[in-house]
Each structure stands twice: as structure tokens, then as C-alpha cells.
């Protein structure tokens, strides 16, 4: 799809994608997988990632044990999977 190289300091980094492919065209609409790797000590290492999305509604299961955040961008997200609320 598209590989983007960033040379940044350690720590949290902001990132955005313009929707283009490596060939320069527009990527087809749909869901995409995001992966981040870093060269750590000469080896490629997978990094944890986080994405932001606006919550449109909240669903409560009938037993009241779990909450689900409903987003247009990511679909349904369990509250337990949320790292930060802004």
C-alpha cells in the first residue's frame, strides 16, 4: 500500500496519512491496517500504535458489564481497549 519513513526522536509521535499509495494515486475507500516499526539496535522492532476517533454513541450490554464506544472511523471499540480520552 504505502510505506512512509520518518526519522524522529523516541517517544509518542503524531502521524497522518494523505490517502495516497506508493504509486501516487488515491487508495480505494475501505479499512486499512496500520503498522509501525523502528530500527532498534540494528533490528526492526514492532511498535505499539494508537489512533484517534470521534465517539458517536455508547452502547451498554444488557447485563451492564461492558461499554462499547461506537465510532464512524473505527466501528465498535470496547471501552477496555481505549488508551486515552481527549
Protein backbone atom coordinates (compact mmCIF):
# COMPACT_ATOMS: atom_id res chain seq x y z
CA UNK A 1 0.00 0.00 0.00
CA UNK A 2 2.25 2.81 1.26
CA UNK A 3 5.48 2.91 3.21
CA UNK A 4 6.42 6.17 4.91
CA UNK A 5 9.77 6.66 6.60
CA UNK A 6 10.04 9.12 9.48
CA UNK A 7 13.23 9.89 11.33
CA UNK A 8 12.04 11.04 14.75
CA UNK A 9 13.15 11.08 18.36
CA UNK A 10 11.89 8.46 20.80
CA UNK A 11 8.51 8.92 22.46
CA UNK A 12 5.00 9.48 21.18
CA UNK A 13 4.79 10.90 17.67
CA UNK A 14 1.89 12.29 15.66
CA UNK A 15 1.33 10.90 12.19
CA UNK A 16 -1.16 11.46 9.39
CA UNK A 17 -1.70 9.79 6.02
CA UNK A 18 -2.96 11.67 2.98
CA UNK A 19 -4.70 8.62 1.47
CA UNK A 20 -2.20 8.17 -1.35
CA UNK A 21 -0.44 4.96 -2.43
CA UNK A 22 3.24 4.36 -3.18
CA UNK A 23 2.35 4.82 -6.87
CA UNK A 24 0.98 8.30 -6.12
CA UNK A 25 -2.72 7.56 -6.71
CA UNK A 26 -5.57 7.63 -4.22
CA UNK A 27 -6.13 4.49 -2.14
CA UNK A 28 -9.53 2.85 -2.54
CA UNK A 29 -12.07 3.57 0.21
CA UNK A 30 -12.05 0.97 2.98
CA UNK A 31 -10.33 -0.07 6.17
CA UNK A 32 -6.57 -0.31 6.35
CA UNK A 33 -4.10 -1.87 8.76
CA UNK A 34 -1.55 0.46 10.33
CA UNK A 35 1.82 -0.89 11.45
CA UNK A 36 4.81 0.93 12.92
CA UNK A 37 8.34 -0.42 13.16
CA UNK A 38 11.60 1.08 14.33
CA UNK A 39 15.22 0.16 13.92
CA UNK A 40 16.31 -0.62 17.48
CA UNK A 41 19.89 -1.76 17.84
CA UNK A 42 20.01 -2.74 14.18
CA UNK A 43 16.82 -4.84 14.30
CA UNK A 44 13.32 -3.95 13.09
CA UNK A 45 11.02 -3.85 16.12
CA UNK A 46 7.22 -3.57 16.06
CA UNK A 47 5.92 -0.52 17.93
CA UNK A 48 2.60 -0.03 19.71
CA UNK A 49 0.22 2.32 17.89
CA UNK A 50 -2.82 4.35 18.85
CA UNK A 51 -5.43 6.04 16.66
CA UNK A 52 -7.96 8.75 17.41
CA UNK A 53 -11.67 8.63 16.58
CA UNK A 54 -14.77 10.62 17.49
CA UNK A 55 -17.34 8.71 19.54
CA UNK A 56 -20.83 8.90 18.05
CA UNK A 57 -22.63 6.86 20.69
CA UNK A 58 -22.09 4.44 23.57
CA UNK A 59 -23.71 1.01 23.88
CA UNK A 60 -24.23 -0.82 27.17
CA UNK A 61 -24.60 -4.59 27.10
CA UNK A 62 -27.86 -5.93 28.60
CA UNK A 63 -26.05 -7.22 31.70
CA UNK A 64 -24.46 -3.79 32.20
CA UNK A 65 -20.97 -5.27 32.42
CA UNK A 66 -19.32 -3.64 29.38
CA UNK A 67 -19.45 -0.40 27.44
CA UNK A 68 -18.82 -0.14 23.71
CA UNK A 69 -17.90 3.14 22.01
CA UNK A 70 -19.34 3.43 18.50
CA UNK A 71 -17.25 5.41 16.02
CA UNK A 72 -17.66 6.15 12.33
CA UNK A 73 -13.93 5.76 11.71
CA UNK A 74 -13.16 2.55 13.63
CA UNK A 75 -16.54 0.94 14.19
CA UNK A 76 -17.30 -0.50 17.65
CA UNK A 77 -14.49 -0.22 20.21
CA UNK A 78 -14.63 -1.80 23.68
CA UNK A 79 -14.06 0.76 26.42
CA UNK A 80 -11.33 -1.50 27.81
CA UNK A 81 -9.33 -1.01 24.58
CA UNK A 82 -9.30 2.79 24.93
CA UNK A 83 -5.93 4.22 25.99
CA UNK A 84 -6.85 7.89 26.35
CA UNK A 85 -9.95 10.09 26.23
CA UNK A 86 -9.34 13.62 25.00
